[in-house]
Amino acid sequence: MTRIARSKLARLLYAILAYVSLGIGLVAIVIPGLPTTEFILLAAWAATRSSPRLSAWLENHRLFGPILYNWRNGKVIQRRAKVSATLSMLLCAGLMLTFLEHHWPVFLAIGGMALGNLWIWSRPERPTAPGSVAQ
């Protein structure tokens, strides 16, 4: 586990990042197109540098705990989370293309979702066995 930042200012900035990321991650649960997993991972990373209490809460949380455990043990994202992220991004892209004018911000957002989706699908779905060589 990472050590807590030494300066009060650094701890404050990490805490702000942790709580803002957690807030966005919670909102992302119900809003299609926003990536929940990435914001929870960012919140956990910042919490380990600012707040042992928040860090412990995230690690022991019913929904977020398994995500963090999998990430810390092999950078694993389960298939169910990948499928959910992909479907929510497709829904969001479809809504944007249907209801918004097709200007560059829409295509930039869709491109960002596509890159995020590629990154998500590049992560393993199961931890690799100790001593095995990744191919």
C-alpha atoms as a PDB file:
ATOM      1  CA  MET A   1       0.000   0.000   0.000  1.00  0.00           C
ATOM      2  CA  THR A   2       1.195   3.521  -0.732  1.00  0.00           C
ATOM      3  CA  ARG A   3       2.211   5.798   2.074  1.00  0.00           C
ATOM      4  CA  ILE A   4       0.203   8.869   3.007  1.00  0.00           C
ATOM      5  CA  ALA A   5       1.550  12.151   1.639  1.00  0.00           C
ATOM      6  CA  ARG A   6       3.707  14.039   4.118  1.00  0.00           C
ATOM      7  CA  SER A   7       2.573  17.608   3.555  1.00  0.00           C
ATOM      8  CA  LYS A   8      -0.857  18.792   4.626  1.00  0.00           C
ATOM      9  CA  LEU A   9      -1.389  20.503   1.273  1.00  0.00           C
ATOM     10  CA  ALA A  10      -0.637  17.299  -0.649  1.00  0.00           C
ATOM     11  CA  ARG A  11      -2.992  15.309   1.608  1.00  0.00           C
ATOM     12  CA  LEU A  12      -5.697  17.924   1.069  1.00  0.00           C
ATOM     13  CA  LEU A  13      -5.284  17.834  -2.716  1.00  0.00           C
ATOM     14  CA  TYR A  14      -5.291  14.028  -2.758  1.00  0.00           C
ATOM     15  CA  ALA A  15      -8.401  14.017  -0.542  1.00  0.00           C
ATOM     16  CA  ILE A  16     -10.196  16.433  -2.865  1.00  0.00           C
ATOM     17  CA  LEU A  17      -9.257  14.256  -5.837  1.00  0.00           C
ATOM     18  CA  ALA A  18     -10.435  11.130  -3.987  1.00  0.00           C
ATOM     19  CA  TYR A  19     -13.820  12.545  -2.992  1.00  0.00           C
ATOM     20  CA  VAL A  20     -14.484  14.205  -6.366  1.00  0.00           C
ATOM     21  CA  SER A  21     -13.551  10.974  -8.184  1.00  0.00           C
ATOM     22  CA  LEU A  22     -15.757   8.952  -5.862  1.00  0.00           C
ATOM     23  CA  GLY A  23     -18.629  11.371  -6.439  1.00  0.00           C
ATOM     24  CA  ILE A  24     -18.254  11.144 -10.211  1.00  0.00           C
ATOM     25  CA  GLY A  25     -17.988   7.356  -9.940  1.00  0.00           C
ATOM     26  CA  LEU A  26     -21.229   7.210  -7.965  1.00  0.00           C
ATOM     27  CA  VAL A  27     -23.010   9.428 -10.493  1.00  0.00           C
ATOM     28  CA  ALA A  28     -21.568   7.286 -13.291  1.00  0.00           C
ATOM     29  CA  ILE A  29     -23.426   4.262 -11.940  1.00  0.00           C
ATOM     30  CA  VAL A  30     -26.692   5.751 -13.209  1.00  0.00           C
ATOM     31  CA  ILE A  31     -25.506   7.914 -16.136  1.00  0.00           C
ATOM     32  CA  PRO A  32     -24.597   6.031 -19.287  1.00  0.00           C
ATOM     33  CA  GLY A  33     -21.274   6.897 -20.875  1.00  0.00           C
ATOM     34  CA  LEU A  34     -19.446   7.840 -17.684  1.00  0.00           C
ATOM     35  CA  PRO A  35     -16.893   5.215 -16.650  1.00  0.00           C
ATOM     36  CA  THR A  36     -17.532   4.065 -13.089  1.00  0.00           C
ATOM     37  CA  THR A  37     -14.554   1.742 -12.687  1.00  0.00           C
ATOM     38  CA  GLU A  38     -11.908   4.256 -13.695  1.00  0.00           C
ATOM     39  CA  PHE A  39     -13.200   6.891 -11.271  1.00  0.00           C
ATOM     40  CA  ILE A  40     -13.367   4.390  -8.405  1.00  0.00           C
ATOM     41  CA  LEU A  41      -9.786   3.297  -9.139  1.00  0.00           C
ATOM     42  CA  LEU A  42      -8.673   6.943  -9.151  1.00  0.00           C
ATOM     43  CA  ALA A  43     -10.541   7.591  -5.900  1.00  0.00           C
ATOM     44  CA  ALA A  44      -8.874   4.581  -4.259  1.00  0.00           C
ATOM     45  CA  TRP A  45      -5.422   5.665  -5.473  1.00  0.00           C
ATOM     46  CA  ALA A  46      -5.884   9.186  -4.109  1.00  0.00           C
ATOM     47  CA  ALA A  47      -7.430   7.892  -0.863  1.00  0.00           C
ATOM     48  CA  THR A  48      -4.359   5.763  -0.114  1.00  0.00           C
ATOM     49  CA  ARG A  49      -2.343   9.003  -0.140  1.00  0.00           C
ATOM     50  CA  SER A  50      -4.766  11.099   1.905  1.00  0.00           C
ATOM     51  CA  SER A  51      -7.285   9.200   4.006  1.00  0.00           C
ATOM     52  CA  PRO A  52      -6.796   5.743   5.516  1.00  0.00           C
ATOM     53  CA  ARG A  53     -10.452   5.848   6.568  1.00  0.00           C
ATOM     54  CA  LEU A  54     -11.764   6.455   3.030  1.00  0.00           C
ATOM     55  CA  SER A  55      -9.303   3.932   1.631  1.00  0.00           C
ATOM     56  CA  ALA A  56     -10.494   1.250   4.057  1.00  0.00           C
ATOM     57  CA  TRP A  57     -14.137   2.091   3.320  1.00  0.00           C
ATOM     58  CA  LEU A  58     -13.578   1.675  -0.424  1.00  0.00           C
ATOM     59  CA  GLU A  59     -11.649  -1.582   0.008  1.00  0.00           C
ATOM     60  CA  ASN A  60     -14.381  -3.059   2.210  1.00  0.00           C
ATOM     61  CA  HIS A  61     -17.325  -1.749   0.186  1.00  0.00           C
ATOM     62  CA  ARG A  62     -19.728  -4.350  -1.194  1.00  0.00           C
ATOM     63  CA  LEU A  63     -19.513  -3.045  -4.785  1.00  0.00           C
ATOM     64  CA  PHE A  64     -16.136  -1.308  -4.946  1.00  0.00           C
ATOM     65  CA  GLY A  65     -14.077  -3.732  -2.856  1.00  0.00           C
ATOM     66  CA  PRO A  66     -14.000  -6.526  -5.458  1.00  0.00           C
ATOM     67  CA  ILE A  67     -13.120  -4.046  -8.228  1.00  0.00           C
ATOM     68  CA  LEU A  68     -10.180  -2.733  -6.201  1.00  0.00           C
ATOM     69  CA  TYR A  69      -9.061  -6.221  -5.171  1.00  0.00           C
ATOM     70  CA  ASN A  70      -9.072  -7.391  -8.792  1.00  0.00           C
ATOM     71  CA  TRP A  71      -7.196  -4.308  -9.950  1.00  0.00           C
ATOM     72  CA  ARG A  72      -4.522  -4.626  -7.282  1.00  0.00           C
ATOM     73  CA  ASN A  73      -4.079  -8.316  -8.049  1.00  0.00           C
ATOM     74  CA  GLY A  74      -3.327  -8.328 -11.748  1.00  0.00           C
ATOM     75  CA  LYS A  75      -5.023  -5.208 -13.165  1.00  0.00           C
ATOM     76  CA  VAL A  76      -8.114  -7.349 -13.786  1.00  0.00           C
ATOM     77  CA  ILE A  77     -11.449  -5.991 -15.023  1.00  0.00           C
ATOM     78  CA  GLN A  78     -14.188  -8.617 -15.042  1.00  0.00           C
ATOM     79  CA  ARG A  79     -16.064  -9.332 -18.269  1.00  0.00           C
ATOM     80  CA  ARG A  80     -19.355  -8.213 -16.700  1.00  0.00           C
ATOM     81  CA  ALA A  81     -17.877  -4.767 -16.021  1.00  0.00           C
ATOM     82  CA  LYS A  82     -16.461  -4.610 -19.545  1.00  0.00           C
ATOM     83  CA  VAL A  83     -19.805  -5.479 -21.112  1.00  0.00           C
ATOM     84  CA  SER A  84     -21.631  -3.011 -18.873  1.00  0.00           C
ATOM     85  CA  ALA A  85     -19.185  -0.225 -19.760  1.00  0.00           C
ATOM     86  CA  THR A  86     -19.440  -0.998 -23.468  1.00  0.00           C
ATOM     87  CA  LEU A  87     -23.248  -1.026 -23.442  1.00  0.00           C
ATOM     88  CA  SER A  88     -23.468   2.224 -21.491  1.00  0.00           C
ATOM     89  CA  MET A  89     -21.007   3.912 -23.868  1.00  0.00           C
ATOM     90  CA  LEU A  90     -22.951   2.674 -26.897  1.00  0.00           C
ATOM     91  CA  LEU A  91     -26.185   3.958 -25.378  1.00  0.00           C
ATOM     92  CA  CYS A  92     -24.607   7.329 -24.642  1.00  0.00           C
ATOM     93  CA  ALA A  93     -23.113   7.584 -28.140  1.00  0.00           C
ATOM     94  CA  GLY A  94     -26.477   6.698 -29.659  1.00  0.00           C
ATOM     95  CA  LEU A  95     -28.249   9.338 -27.564  1.00  0.00           C
ATOM     96  CA  MET A  96     -25.692  11.978 -28.530  1.00  0.00           C
ATOM     97  CA  LEU A  97     -25.972  11.138 -32.226  1.00  0.00           C
ATOM     98  CA  THR A  98     -29.771  11.170 -32.026  1.00  0.00           C
ATOM     99  CA  PHE A  99     -30.379  14.305 -29.967  1.00  0.00           C
ATOM    100  CA  LEU A 100     -27.335  16.548 -30.494  1.00  0.00           C
ATOM    101  CA  GLU A 101     -26.095  18.313 -33.562  1.00  0.00           C
ATOM    102  CA  HIS A 102     -23.177  16.499 -35.133  1.00  0.00           C
ATOM    103  CA  HIS A 103     -20.427  18.976 -34.291  1.00  0.00           C
ATOM    104  CA  TRP A 104     -16.858  18.168 -33.297  1.00  0.00           C
ATOM    105  CA  PRO A 105     -17.516  17.901 -29.509  1.00  0.00           C
ATOM    106  CA  VAL A 106     -19.891  14.992 -30.126  1.00  0.00           C
ATOM    107  CA  PHE A 107     -17.337  13.150 -32.225  1.00  0.00           C
ATOM    108  CA  LEU A 108     -14.590  13.969 -29.732  1.00  0.00           C
ATOM    109  CA  ALA A 109     -16.694  12.477 -26.912  1.00  0.00           C
ATOM    110  CA  ILE A 110     -17.462   9.364 -28.962  1.00  0.00           C
ATOM    111  CA  GLY A 111     -13.769   9.022 -29.829  1.00  0.00           C
ATOM    112  CA  GLY A 112     -12.880   9.285 -26.141  1.00  0.00           C
ATOM    113  CA  MET A 113     -15.413   6.606 -25.282  1.00  0.00           C
ATOM    114  CA  ALA A 114     -14.012   4.383 -28.033  1.00  0.00           C
ATOM    115  CA  LEU A 115     -10.457   4.778 -26.706  1.00  0.00           C
ATOM    116  CA  GLY A 116     -11.623   4.112 -23.162  1.00  0.00           C
ATOM    117  CA  ASN A 117     -13.465   1.032 -24.343  1.00  0.00           C
ATOM    118  CA  LEU A 118     -10.378  -0.271 -26.154  1.00  0.00           C
ATOM    119  CA  TRP A 119      -8.329   0.210 -22.985  1.00  0.00           C
ATOM    120  CA  ILE A 120     -10.942  -1.581 -20.848  1.00  0.00           C
ATOM    121  CA  TRP A 121     -11.021  -4.574 -23.201  1.00  0.00           C
ATOM    122  CA  SER A 122      -7.201  -4.740 -23.222  1.00  0.00           C
ATOM    123  CA  ARG A 123      -7.195  -5.580 -19.479  1.00  0.00           C
ATOM    124  CA  PRO A 124      -7.241  -9.226 -18.385  1.00  0.00           C
ATOM    125  CA  GLU A 125     -10.499 -10.751 -17.121  1.00  0.00           C
ATOM    126  CA  ARG A 126      -8.898 -13.177 -14.652  1.00  0.00           C
ATOM    127  CA  PRO A 127      -5.746 -13.020 -12.589  1.00  0.00           C
ATOM    128  CA  THR A 128      -2.832 -14.885 -14.124  1.00  0.00           C
ATOM    129  CA  ALA A 129      -1.521 -17.841 -12.198  1.00  0.00           C
ATOM    130  CA  PRO A 130       1.711 -17.183 -10.261  1.00  0.00           C
ATOM    131  CA  GLY A 131       4.725 -18.115 -12.324  1.00  0.00           C
ATOM    132  CA  SER A 132       2.847 -18.176 -15.646  1.00  0.00           C
ATOM    133  CA  VAL A 133       4.182 -16.193 -18.549  1.00  0.00           C
ATOM    134  CA  ALA A 134       1.826 -13.741 -20.254  1.00  0.00           C
ATOM    135  CA  GLN A 135       1.649 -14.147 -24.010  1.00  0.00           C
END
